[in-house]
Amino acid sequence: MTEAFEMPQLNMITNCFRNAAAQPKEHASPNNLKNKRINKWKHRIESKLR
């Protein structure tokens, strides 16, 4: 991807996902359906940023 794709909003979104993923495990188990959905989008967004 070109650098033009790396918008500040997108970086903010990925930072939010990283912060959510860094939370203690008792708050969020990986088996949680919502977390699966978040992780799926996180990977999609991060792969676009590469």
N, C-alpha and C. Protein backbone atom coordinates (compact mmCIF):
# COMPACT_ATOMS: atom_id res chain seq x y z
N MET A 1 0.83 -1.20 0.00
CA MET A 1 0.00 0.00 0.00
C MET A 1 0.87 1.26 0.00
N THR A 2 0.32 2.31 -0.56
CA THR A 2 1.06 3.58 -0.59
C THR A 2 0.92 4.28 0.76
N GLU A 3 1.81 5.21 1.02
CA GLU A 3 1.76 5.95 2.28
C GLU A 3 0.54 6.86 2.35
N ALA A 4 -0.01 7.19 1.19
CA ALA A 4 -1.20 8.05 1.16
C ALA A 4 -2.37 7.38 1.87
N PHE A 5 -2.33 6.05 1.97
CA PHE A 5 -3.42 5.32 2.61
C PHE A 5 -3.37 5.45 4.13
N GLU A 6 -2.21 5.76 4.67
CA GLU A 6 -2.06 5.84 6.13
C GLU A 6 -2.59 7.16 6.67
N MET A 7 -3.89 7.20 6.89
CA MET A 7 -4.52 8.41 7.40
C MET A 7 -4.48 8.42 8.92
N PRO A 8 -4.46 9.59 9.53
CA PRO A 8 -4.44 9.68 11.00
C PRO A 8 -5.60 8.95 11.65
N GLN A 9 -6.79 9.01 11.03
CA GLN A 9 -7.95 8.32 11.61
C GLN A 9 -7.68 6.82 11.68
N LEU A 10 -7.08 6.28 10.63
CA LEU A 10 -6.83 4.85 10.58
C LEU A 10 -5.82 4.45 11.65
N ASN A 11 -4.80 5.29 11.84
CA ASN A 11 -3.83 5.02 12.89
C ASN A 11 -4.48 5.05 14.27
N MET A 12 -5.42 5.97 14.45
CA MET A 12 -6.15 6.04 15.72
C MET A 12 -6.94 4.76 15.95
N ILE A 13 -7.57 4.26 14.88
CA ILE A 13 -8.36 3.03 14.98
C ILE A 13 -7.47 1.86 15.37
N THR A 14 -6.33 1.72 14.71
CA THR A 14 -5.46 0.58 15.02
C THR A 14 -4.91 0.72 16.44
N ASN A 15 -4.65 1.94 16.88
CA ASN A 15 -4.21 2.14 18.26
C ASN A 15 -5.28 1.73 19.25
N CYS A 16 -6.53 2.02 18.94
CA CYS A 16 -7.64 1.60 19.79
C CYS A 16 -7.70 0.08 19.88
N PHE A 17 -7.53 -0.58 18.73
CA PHE A 17 -7.55 -2.04 18.72
C PHE A 17 -6.39 -2.60 19.54
N ARG A 18 -5.21 -1.98 19.40
CA ARG A 18 -4.05 -2.46 20.15
C ARG A 18 -4.27 -2.29 21.64
N ASN A 19 -4.85 -1.16 22.04
CA ASN A 19 -5.12 -0.93 23.45
C ASN A 19 -6.14 -1.93 23.99
N ALA A 20 -7.15 -2.23 23.19
CA ALA A 20 -8.17 -3.19 23.61
C ALA A 20 -7.55 -4.58 23.75
N ALA A 21 -6.64 -4.92 22.84
CA ALA A 21 -6.01 -6.24 22.88
C ALA A 21 -5.05 -6.35 24.06
N ALA A 22 -4.55 -5.21 24.54
CA ALA A 22 -3.58 -5.21 25.63
C ALA A 22 -4.23 -5.29 27.01
N GLN A 23 -5.56 -5.23 27.05
CA GLN A 23 -6.25 -5.28 28.33
C GLN A 23 -6.08 -6.65 28.99
N PRO A 24 -6.17 -6.71 30.32
CA PRO A 24 -6.04 -7.98 31.04
C PRO A 24 -7.02 -9.02 30.53
N LYS A 25 -6.58 -10.27 30.56
CA LYS A 25 -7.35 -11.35 29.94
C LYS A 25 -8.69 -11.61 30.62
N GLU A 26 -8.82 -11.29 31.91
CA GLU A 26 -10.09 -11.57 32.58
C GLU A 26 -11.22 -10.69 32.03
N HIS A 27 -10.85 -9.55 31.43
CA HIS A 27 -11.87 -8.68 30.84
C HIS A 27 -12.38 -9.25 29.52
N ALA A 28 -11.53 -9.97 28.82
CA ALA A 28 -11.89 -10.41 27.48
C ALA A 28 -11.20 -11.73 27.14
N SER A 29 -12.00 -12.78 27.00
CA SER A 29 -11.41 -14.05 26.58
C SER A 29 -11.39 -14.10 25.06
N PRO A 30 -10.38 -14.75 24.47
CA PRO A 30 -10.26 -14.80 23.00
C PRO A 30 -11.43 -15.54 22.35
N ASN A 31 -12.16 -16.33 23.15
CA ASN A 31 -13.29 -17.09 22.60
C ASN A 31 -14.54 -16.24 22.46
N ASN A 32 -14.49 -15.05 23.03
CA ASN A 32 -15.62 -14.13 22.96
C ASN A 32 -15.89 -13.75 21.50
N LEU A 33 -17.15 -13.86 21.08
CA LEU A 33 -17.51 -13.60 19.67
C LEU A 33 -17.15 -12.17 19.26
N LYS A 34 -17.39 -11.21 20.16
CA LYS A 34 -17.09 -9.82 19.86
C LYS A 34 -15.59 -9.63 19.62
N ASN A 35 -14.77 -10.30 20.45
CA ASN A 35 -13.33 -10.17 20.29
C ASN A 35 -12.86 -10.78 18.98
N LYS A 36 -13.49 -11.89 18.58
CA LYS A 36 -13.14 -12.50 17.29
C LYS A 36 -13.39 -11.51 16.16
N ARG A 37 -14.54 -10.82 16.26
CA ARG A 37 -14.89 -9.85 15.23
C ARG A 37 -13.90 -8.69 15.23
N ILE A 38 -13.55 -8.20 16.41
CA ILE A 38 -12.59 -7.09 16.52
C ILE A 38 -11.24 -7.50 15.97
N ASN A 39 -10.79 -8.70 16.33
CA ASN A 39 -9.49 -9.16 15.85
C ASN A 39 -9.48 -9.32 14.34
N LYS A 40 -10.60 -9.79 13.79
CA LYS A 40 -10.68 -9.95 12.34
C LYS A 40 -10.51 -8.59 11.65
N TRP A 41 -11.21 -7.57 12.16
CA TRP A 41 -11.08 -6.23 11.57
C TRP A 41 -9.71 -5.64 11.82
N LYS A 42 -9.16 -5.91 12.99
CA LYS A 42 -7.81 -5.41 13.31
C LYS A 42 -6.80 -5.94 12.30
N HIS A 43 -6.90 -7.24 12.00
CA HIS A 43 -5.96 -7.83 11.04
C HIS A 43 -6.18 -7.26 9.64
N ARG A 44 -7.44 -7.05 9.27
CA ARG A 44 -7.72 -6.47 7.96
C ARG A 44 -7.11 -5.08 7.84
N ILE A 45 -7.32 -4.25 8.86
CA ILE A 45 -6.82 -2.87 8.84
C ILE A 45 -5.30 -2.86 8.83
N GLU A 46 -4.69 -3.68 9.69
CA GLU A 46 -3.23 -3.69 9.77
C GLU A 46 -2.60 -4.21 8.48
N SER A 47 -3.27 -5.17 7.83
CA SER A 47 -2.71 -5.68 6.57
C SER A 47 -2.79 -4.61 5.48
N LYS A 48 -3.79 -3.73 5.56
CA LYS A 48 -3.88 -2.63 4.60
C LYS A 48 -2.79 -1.60 4.84
N LEU A 49 -2.37 -1.47 6.11
CA LEU A 49 -1.35 -0.47 6.45
C LEU A 49 0.05 -0.92 6.05
N ARG A 50 0.24 -2.22 5.84
CA ARG A 50 1.59 -2.71 5.51
C ARG A 50 2.01 -2.31 4.12
